[in-house]
Amino acid sequence: MTKPMLLVLAAILSLATSVTRADDDHAYTLGPVMVVSFVRTQPGKFDEYLRYLDGPYKKLMEEAKRQGIIVDYAVWGSSPRDPQDADLVLTITYKNKAAFDTLQSRMDPLIKQTFGSLPQAASAVADREKLRKEIGSNEVRQLILK
């Protein structure tokens, strides 16, 4: 093999090694994104709010899941430590961050189908606040260890 060909081969091998190393720089890959909402039901309204979740909310989430807009959703009971702490935690899981780019345009038709119109959905949100108070929310992303 000639010297120039050996230099080309060495350069190719060096590049291949650096690409492999770059792939190994992280001990994880980016996974799904979950929006976690912390909710405190109003006194005496826990069962009424759960009926809402089992009705319109579940209908909306199941259709979003069926259409591949979301991966999953869940409702979690929580033991509040004080009156300002959540007694329910709602989670919605999305495939990745890119899912948020088209979320509104994909969810609006489902919201209209569930509530009749976007203004009616907004009114339902206001009514829902009589049943519960959103303490806060957070977005978390799974880091899948290699």
C-alpha atoms as a PDB file:
ATOM      1  CA  MET A   1       0.000   0.000   0.000  1.00  0.00           C
ATOM      2  CA  THR A   2       1.343   3.447  -0.827  1.00  0.00           C
ATOM      3  CA  LYS A   3       2.021   6.077   1.790  1.00  0.00           C
ATOM      4  CA  PRO A   4      -0.852   8.393   0.634  1.00  0.00           C
ATOM      5  CA  MET A   5      -3.301   5.456   0.809  1.00  0.00           C
ATOM      6  CA  LEU A   6      -2.077   4.610   4.315  1.00  0.00           C
ATOM      7  CA  LEU A   7      -2.672   8.235   5.357  1.00  0.00           C
ATOM      8  CA  VAL A   8      -6.214   8.160   3.933  1.00  0.00           C
ATOM      9  CA  LEU A   9      -6.913   4.850   5.697  1.00  0.00           C
ATOM     10  CA  ALA A  10      -5.540   6.253   8.971  1.00  0.00           C
ATOM     11  CA  ALA A  11      -7.722   9.354   8.604  1.00  0.00           C
ATOM     12  CA  ILE A  12     -10.834   7.231   7.967  1.00  0.00           C
ATOM     13  CA  LEU A  13     -10.109   5.005  10.968  1.00  0.00           C
ATOM     14  CA  SER A  14      -9.472   8.057  13.139  1.00  0.00           C
ATOM     15  CA  LEU A  15     -12.782   9.618  12.057  1.00  0.00           C
ATOM     16  CA  ALA A  16     -14.679   6.374  12.679  1.00  0.00           C
ATOM     17  CA  THR A  17     -13.180   6.143  16.163  1.00  0.00           C
ATOM     18  CA  SER A  18     -14.137   9.737  17.017  1.00  0.00           C
ATOM     19  CA  VAL A  19     -17.730   9.163  15.821  1.00  0.00           C
ATOM     20  CA  THR A  20     -17.954   6.045  17.988  1.00  0.00           C
ATOM     21  CA  ARG A  21     -16.538   7.943  20.968  1.00  0.00           C
ATOM     22  CA  ALA A  22     -19.029  10.790  20.463  1.00  0.00           C
ATOM     23  CA  ASP A  23     -21.849   8.263  20.643  1.00  0.00           C
ATOM     24  CA  ASP A  24     -20.443   6.993  23.943  1.00  0.00           C
ATOM     25  CA  ASP A  25     -20.104  10.461  25.495  1.00  0.00           C
ATOM     26  CA  HIS A  26     -23.388  10.052  27.359  1.00  0.00           C
ATOM     27  CA  ALA A  27     -24.410   7.148  29.533  1.00  0.00           C
ATOM     28  CA  TYR A  28     -28.034   7.645  28.475  1.00  0.00           C
ATOM     29  CA  THR A  29     -30.365   8.341  25.580  1.00  0.00           C
ATOM     30  CA  LEU A  30     -33.231  10.806  25.714  1.00  0.00           C
ATOM     31  CA  GLY A  31     -36.577   9.165  26.349  1.00  0.00           C
ATOM     32  CA  PRO A  32     -40.217  10.217  26.661  1.00  0.00           C
ATOM     33  CA  VAL A  33     -41.335  13.498  28.218  1.00  0.00           C
ATOM     34  CA  MET A  34     -43.882  13.571  31.032  1.00  0.00           C
ATOM     35  CA  VAL A  35     -45.911  16.560  32.183  1.00  0.00           C
ATOM     36  CA  VAL A  36     -46.699  16.169  35.875  1.00  0.00           C
ATOM     37  CA  SER A  37     -49.505  18.297  37.357  1.00  0.00           C
ATOM     38  CA  PHE A  38     -50.036  18.586  41.111  1.00  0.00           C
ATOM     39  CA  VAL A  39     -53.660  19.146  42.109  1.00  0.00           C
ATOM     40  CA  ARG A  40     -55.440  19.745  45.410  1.00  0.00           C
ATOM     41  CA  THR A  41     -59.167  19.042  45.396  1.00  0.00           C
ATOM     42  CA  GLN A  42     -61.411  21.518  47.159  1.00  0.00           C
ATOM     43  CA  PRO A  43     -62.842  20.322  50.480  1.00  0.00           C
ATOM     44  CA  GLY A  44     -65.646  17.831  49.846  1.00  0.00           C
ATOM     45  CA  LYS A  45     -65.069  17.837  46.068  1.00  0.00           C
ATOM     46  CA  PHE A  46     -62.690  14.868  45.683  1.00  0.00           C
ATOM     47  CA  ASP A  47     -65.304  12.411  44.345  1.00  0.00           C
ATOM     48  CA  GLU A  48     -66.902  15.028  42.084  1.00  0.00           C
ATOM     49  CA  TYR A  49     -63.520  15.863  40.566  1.00  0.00           C
ATOM     50  CA  LEU A  50     -62.739  12.169  40.065  1.00  0.00           C
ATOM     51  CA  ARG A  51     -66.055  11.822  38.203  1.00  0.00           C
ATOM     52  CA  TYR A  52     -64.936  14.669  35.914  1.00  0.00           C
ATOM     53  CA  LEU A  53     -61.618  12.876  35.345  1.00  0.00           C
ATOM     54  CA  ASP A  54     -63.483   9.645  34.610  1.00  0.00           C
ATOM     55  CA  GLY A  55     -65.735  11.505  32.143  1.00  0.00           C
ATOM     56  CA  PRO A  56     -64.562  14.260  29.784  1.00  0.00           C
ATOM     57  CA  TYR A  57     -60.892  14.095  30.792  1.00  0.00           C
ATOM     58  CA  LYS A  58     -60.660  10.343  30.244  1.00  0.00           C
ATOM     59  CA  LYS A  59     -62.523  10.624  26.930  1.00  0.00           C
ATOM     60  CA  LEU A  60     -60.091  13.295  25.729  1.00  0.00           C
ATOM     61  CA  MET A  61     -56.978  11.435  26.901  1.00  0.00           C
ATOM     62  CA  GLU A  62     -58.103   8.079  25.476  1.00  0.00           C
ATOM     63  CA  GLU A  63     -58.707   9.637  22.055  1.00  0.00           C
ATOM     64  CA  ALA A  64     -55.355  11.448  22.179  1.00  0.00           C
ATOM     65  CA  LYS A  65     -53.709   8.147  23.059  1.00  0.00           C
ATOM     66  CA  ARG A  66     -55.577   6.306  20.281  1.00  0.00           C
ATOM     67  CA  GLN A  67     -54.397   8.907  17.749  1.00  0.00           C
ATOM     68  CA  GLY A  68     -50.806   8.716  18.968  1.00  0.00           C
ATOM     69  CA  ILE A  69     -50.748  12.299  20.253  1.00  0.00           C
ATOM     70  CA  ILE A  70     -49.805  11.059  23.724  1.00  0.00           C
ATOM     71  CA  VAL A  71     -48.162   7.844  24.853  1.00  0.00           C
ATOM     72  CA  ASP A  72     -50.082   7.487  28.122  1.00  0.00           C
ATOM     73  CA  TYR A  73     -51.745   9.323  30.984  1.00  0.00           C
ATOM     74  CA  ALA A  74     -52.412   8.497  34.619  1.00  0.00           C
ATOM     75  CA  VAL A  75     -54.099   9.776  37.756  1.00  0.00           C
ATOM     76  CA  TRP A  76     -52.225   9.223  41.019  1.00  0.00           C
ATOM     77  CA  GLY A  77     -53.486   9.628  44.576  1.00  0.00           C
ATOM     78  CA  SER A  78     -51.109  11.425  46.910  1.00  0.00           C
ATOM     79  CA  SER A  79     -50.952  11.834  50.685  1.00  0.00           C
ATOM     80  CA  PRO A  80     -50.765  15.580  51.292  1.00  0.00           C
ATOM     81  CA  ARG A  81     -48.375  16.681  54.034  1.00  0.00           C
ATOM     82  CA  ASP A  82     -50.196  19.982  54.607  1.00  0.00           C
ATOM     83  CA  PRO A  83     -53.284  21.851  53.311  1.00  0.00           C
ATOM     84  CA  GLN A  84     -51.295  23.367  50.426  1.00  0.00           C
ATOM     85  CA  ASP A  85     -49.978  20.016  49.167  1.00  0.00           C
ATOM     86  CA  ALA A  86     -51.437  17.995  46.272  1.00  0.00           C
ATOM     87  CA  ASP A  87     -53.816  15.115  46.890  1.00  0.00           C
ATOM     88  CA  LEU A  88     -53.780  14.103  43.202  1.00  0.00           C
ATOM     89  CA  VAL A  89     -51.017  13.975  40.618  1.00  0.00           C
ATOM     90  CA  LEU A  90     -51.920  13.867  36.920  1.00  0.00           C
ATOM     91  CA  THR A  91     -49.371  12.730  34.365  1.00  0.00           C
ATOM     92  CA  ILE A  92     -49.368  12.846  30.578  1.00  0.00           C
ATOM     93  CA  THR A  93     -46.543  11.150  28.695  1.00  0.00           C
ATOM     94  CA  TYR A  94     -45.409  12.281  25.245  1.00  0.00           C
ATOM     95  CA  LYS A  95     -43.063  10.407  22.917  1.00  0.00           C
ATOM     96  CA  ASN A  96     -40.514  13.250  22.901  1.00  0.00           C
ATOM     97  CA  LYS A  97     -40.153  17.043  23.002  1.00  0.00           C
ATOM     98  CA  ALA A  98     -41.040  17.277  19.296  1.00  0.00           C
ATOM     99  CA  ALA A  99     -44.585  16.180  20.209  1.00  0.00           C
ATOM    100  CA  PHE A 100     -45.145  19.679  21.649  1.00  0.00           C
ATOM    101  CA  ASP A 101     -44.512  21.313  18.256  1.00  0.00           C
ATOM    102  CA  THR A 102     -47.879  20.165  16.873  1.00  0.00           C
ATOM    103  CA  LEU A 103     -49.728  19.547  20.140  1.00  0.00           C
ATOM    104  CA  GLN A 104     -52.213  22.405  19.925  1.00  0.00           C
ATOM    105  CA  SER A 105     -53.196  21.776  16.303  1.00  0.00           C
ATOM    106  CA  ARG A 106     -53.639  18.060  17.003  1.00  0.00           C
ATOM    107  CA  MET A 107     -55.516  18.487  20.300  1.00  0.00           C
ATOM    108  CA  ASP A 108     -57.907  21.301  19.276  1.00  0.00           C
ATOM    109  CA  PRO A 109     -60.153  19.005  17.180  1.00  0.00           C
ATOM    110  CA  LEU A 110     -60.348  16.522  20.079  1.00  0.00           C
ATOM    111  CA  ILE A 111     -61.137  19.301  22.539  1.00  0.00           C
ATOM    112  CA  LYS A 112     -63.934  20.551  20.236  1.00  0.00           C
ATOM    113  CA  GLN A 113     -65.233  16.982  19.895  1.00  0.00           C
ATOM    114  CA  THR A 114     -65.234  16.521  23.688  1.00  0.00           C
ATOM    115  CA  PHE A 115     -66.533  19.926  24.822  1.00  0.00           C
ATOM    116  CA  GLY A 116     -68.339  21.274  21.724  1.00  0.00           C
ATOM    117  CA  SER A 117     -66.056  24.255  21.076  1.00  0.00           C
ATOM    118  CA  LEU A 118     -62.913  25.895  22.370  1.00  0.00           C
ATOM    119  CA  PRO A 119     -64.912  28.541  24.312  1.00  0.00           C
ATOM    120  CA  GLN A 120     -66.980  25.770  25.923  1.00  0.00           C
ATOM    121  CA  ALA A 121     -63.743  23.988  26.835  1.00  0.00           C
ATOM    122  CA  ALA A 122     -62.462  27.212  28.427  1.00  0.00           C
ATOM    123  CA  SER A 123     -65.694  27.472  30.408  1.00  0.00           C
ATOM    124  CA  ALA A 124     -65.250  23.867  31.560  1.00  0.00           C
ATOM    125  CA  VAL A 125     -61.755  24.767  32.779  1.00  0.00           C
ATOM    126  CA  ALA A 126     -63.238  27.604  34.845  1.00  0.00           C
ATOM    127  CA  ASP A 127     -65.907  25.271  36.253  1.00  0.00           C
ATOM    128  CA  ARG A 128     -63.261  22.662  37.041  1.00  0.00           C
ATOM    129  CA  GLU A 129     -61.420  25.168  39.216  1.00  0.00           C
ATOM    130  CA  LYS A 130     -64.429  25.090  41.576  1.00  0.00           C
ATOM    131  CA  LEU A 131     -63.506  21.450  42.221  1.00  0.00           C
ATOM    132  CA  ARG A 132     -59.765  21.699  42.496  1.00  0.00           C
ATOM    133  CA  LYS A 133     -56.750  23.973  42.558  1.00  0.00           C
ATOM    134  CA  GLU A 134     -53.652  23.334  40.481  1.00  0.00           C
ATOM    135  CA  ILE A 135     -50.683  23.577  42.824  1.00  0.00           C
ATOM    136  CA  GLY A 136     -48.168  23.499  39.987  1.00  0.00           C
ATOM    137  CA  SER A 137     -46.720  21.402  37.229  1.00  0.00           C
ATOM    138  CA  ASN A 138     -43.393  20.158  36.019  1.00  0.00           C
ATOM    139  CA  GLU A 139     -41.989  18.657  32.852  1.00  0.00           C
ATOM    140  CA  VAL A 140     -39.610  15.736  33.241  1.00  0.00           C
ATOM    141  CA  ARG A 141     -37.782  13.647  30.676  1.00  0.00           C
ATOM    142  CA  GLN A 142     -36.734  10.055  31.057  1.00  0.00           C
ATOM    143  CA  LEU A 143     -33.037   9.416  30.638  1.00  0.00           C
ATOM    144  CA  ILE A 144     -32.654   5.837  29.468  1.00  0.00           C
ATOM    145  CA  LEU A 145     -29.401   4.415  30.747  1.00  0.00           C
ATOM    146  CA  LYS A 146     -27.389   2.589  28.123  1.00  0.00           C
END
